Amino acid sequence: MAFRKSVSQEELRQTMSPERLEQQKTTYQASRGGHFPAEDQPTPGTPQNGPRAD
């Protein structure tokens, strides 16, 4: 029986498509006890609500 070569996490990430990487994003939340799927974050510099009607 042959030994299997260990594959580093970096090598695995390099072979993943950008779409797959986006699906695998997680954030660490200590209050919930671990890593959970990342929520969409707003892009800095973009308005959260549409244009203001002054």
N, C-alpha and C. Protein backbone atom coordinates (compact mmCIF):
# COMPACT_ATOMS: atom_id res chain seq x y z
N MET A 1 0.85 -1.18 0.00
CA MET A 1 0.00 0.00 0.00
C MET A 1 0.90 1.25 0.00
N ALA A 2 0.65 2.16 -0.88
CA ALA A 2 1.47 3.36 -1.02
C ALA A 2 0.93 4.48 -0.13
N PHE A 3 1.84 5.30 0.33
CA PHE A 3 1.44 6.46 1.13
C PHE A 3 0.94 7.57 0.21
N ARG A 4 -0.05 8.28 0.70
CA ARG A 4 -0.58 9.40 -0.07
C ARG A 4 0.19 10.66 0.26
N LYS A 5 0.41 11.48 -0.74
CA LYS A 5 1.09 12.76 -0.55
C LYS A 5 0.13 13.75 0.09
N SER A 6 0.58 14.45 1.09
CA SER A 6 -0.23 15.50 1.70
C SER A 6 -0.29 16.69 0.76
N VAL A 7 -1.44 17.30 0.67
CA VAL A 7 -1.62 18.47 -0.18
C VAL A 7 -1.87 19.66 0.74
N SER A 8 -1.10 20.73 0.55
CA SER A 8 -1.25 21.91 1.41
C SER A 8 -2.54 22.65 1.06
N GLN A 9 -3.04 23.41 2.01
CA GLN A 9 -4.25 24.20 1.79
C GLN A 9 -4.02 25.23 0.69
N GLU A 10 -2.81 25.79 0.63
CA GLU A 10 -2.49 26.78 -0.40
C GLU A 10 -2.59 26.15 -1.79
N GLU A 11 -2.09 24.94 -1.92
CA GLU A 11 -2.15 24.25 -3.21
C GLU A 11 -3.60 23.96 -3.61
N LEU A 12 -4.42 23.60 -2.63
CA LEU A 12 -5.83 23.36 -2.91
C LEU A 12 -6.54 24.63 -3.38
N ARG A 13 -6.23 25.76 -2.72
CA ARG A 13 -6.84 27.04 -3.09
C ARG A 13 -6.47 27.45 -4.50
N GLN A 14 -5.23 27.16 -4.91
CA GLN A 14 -4.78 27.54 -6.24
C GLN A 14 -5.53 26.80 -7.34
N THR A 15 -6.00 25.61 -7.05
CA THR A 15 -6.69 24.82 -8.06
C THR A 15 -8.19 25.11 -8.11
N MET A 16 -8.71 25.86 -7.14
CA MET A 16 -10.14 26.17 -7.10
C MET A 16 -10.47 27.35 -8.00
N SER A 17 -11.65 27.30 -8.61
CA SER A 17 -12.10 28.41 -9.44
C SER A 17 -12.50 29.58 -8.55
N PRO A 18 -12.49 30.81 -9.08
CA PRO A 18 -12.89 31.98 -8.28
C PRO A 18 -14.32 31.86 -7.73
N GLU A 19 -15.21 31.25 -8.51
CA GLU A 19 -16.59 31.08 -8.04
C GLU A 19 -16.63 30.16 -6.82
N ARG A 20 -15.85 29.10 -6.88
CA ARG A 20 -15.80 28.14 -5.78
C ARG A 20 -15.18 28.77 -4.54
N LEU A 21 -14.13 29.58 -4.72
CA LEU A 21 -13.52 30.28 -3.60
C LEU A 21 -14.53 31.20 -2.92
N GLU A 22 -15.34 31.89 -3.73
CA GLU A 22 -16.36 32.79 -3.19
C GLU A 22 -17.38 32.03 -2.35
N GLN A 23 -17.73 30.83 -2.78
CA GLN A 23 -18.70 30.01 -2.05
C GLN A 23 -18.13 29.51 -0.73
N GLN A 24 -16.83 29.35 -0.65
CA GLN A 24 -16.18 28.75 0.52
C GLN A 24 -15.79 29.76 1.59
N LYS A 25 -16.04 31.06 1.37
CA LYS A 25 -15.65 32.08 2.33
C LYS A 25 -16.34 31.85 3.67
N THR A 26 -15.56 32.01 4.74
CA THR A 26 -16.11 31.93 6.09
C THR A 26 -15.52 33.07 6.92
N THR A 27 -16.21 33.39 7.99
CA THR A 27 -15.70 34.36 8.95
C THR A 27 -15.73 33.71 10.32
N TYR A 28 -14.81 34.10 11.18
CA TYR A 28 -14.76 33.55 12.53
C TYR A 28 -15.62 34.42 13.43
N GLN A 29 -16.52 33.79 14.15
CA GLN A 29 -17.39 34.50 15.08
C GLN A 29 -17.27 33.82 16.44
N ALA A 30 -16.49 34.42 17.33
CA ALA A 30 -16.25 33.84 18.64
C ALA A 30 -17.55 33.67 19.43
N SER A 31 -18.47 34.63 19.29
CA SER A 31 -19.71 34.57 20.04
C SER A 31 -20.57 33.36 19.66
N ARG A 32 -20.38 32.87 18.42
CA ARG A 32 -21.13 31.71 17.97
C ARG A 32 -20.30 30.44 18.04
N GLY A 33 -19.01 30.58 18.33
CA GLY A 33 -18.17 29.42 18.55
C GLY A 33 -17.51 28.82 17.33
N GLY A 34 -17.11 29.63 16.36
CA GLY A 34 -16.37 29.06 15.25
C GLY A 34 -16.51 29.81 13.95
N HIS A 35 -16.24 29.09 12.87
CA HIS A 35 -16.30 29.66 11.51
C HIS A 35 -17.67 29.40 10.91
N PHE A 36 -18.24 30.44 10.31
CA PHE A 36 -19.54 30.35 9.68
C PHE A 36 -19.48 31.01 8.31
N PRO A 37 -20.39 30.66 7.40
CA PRO A 37 -20.38 31.29 6.08
C PRO A 37 -20.41 32.81 6.19
N ALA A 38 -19.62 33.46 5.36
CA ALA A 38 -19.51 34.91 5.40
C ALA A 38 -20.78 35.56 4.86
N GLU A 39 -21.19 36.64 5.49
CA GLU A 39 -22.32 37.42 5.00
C GLU A 39 -21.80 38.46 4.02
N ASP A 40 -22.63 38.87 3.10
CA ASP A 40 -22.22 39.89 2.14
C ASP A 40 -21.92 41.18 2.89
N GLN A 41 -20.76 41.74 2.62
CA GLN A 41 -20.34 42.99 3.25
C GLN A 41 -20.48 44.12 2.24
N PRO A 42 -20.91 45.31 2.69
CA PRO A 42 -21.00 46.43 1.76
C PRO A 42 -19.61 46.85 1.29
N THR A 43 -19.53 47.34 0.08
CA THR A 43 -18.27 47.83 -0.47
C THR A 43 -18.01 49.23 0.07
N PRO A 44 -16.84 49.47 0.63
CA PRO A 44 -16.55 50.80 1.16
C PRO A 44 -16.66 51.87 0.08
N GLY A 45 -17.29 53.00 0.44
CA GLY A 45 -17.39 54.12 -0.48
C GLY A 45 -18.67 54.13 -1.32
N THR A 46 -19.49 53.09 -1.22
CA THR A 46 -20.73 53.08 -1.98
C THR A 46 -21.90 53.39 -1.04
N PRO A 47 -22.86 54.16 -1.50
CA PRO A 47 -24.00 54.49 -0.64
C PRO A 47 -24.84 53.24 -0.36
N GLN A 48 -25.33 53.15 0.89
CA GLN A 48 -26.15 51.99 1.27
C GLN A 48 -27.58 52.16 0.78
N ASN A 49 -28.08 53.37 0.83
CA ASN A 49 -29.41 53.66 0.33
C ASN A 49 -29.26 54.46 -0.94
N GLY A 50 -30.19 54.36 -1.82
CA GLY A 50 -30.10 55.06 -3.09
C GLY A 50 -29.79 56.55 -2.93
N PRO A 51 -29.83 57.31 -3.98
CA PRO A 51 -29.54 58.75 -3.90
C PRO A 51 -30.52 59.46 -2.97
N ARG A 52 -29.99 60.46 -2.28
CA ARG A 52 -30.83 61.21 -1.33
C ARG A 52 -31.70 62.19 -2.08
N ALA A 53 -32.94 62.32 -1.65
CA ALA A 53 -33.86 63.28 -2.23
C ALA A 53 -33.93 64.50 -1.31
N ASP A 54 -33.14 65.52 -1.58
CA ASP A 54 -33.14 66.73 -0.75
C ASP A 54 -34.10 67.75 -1.29
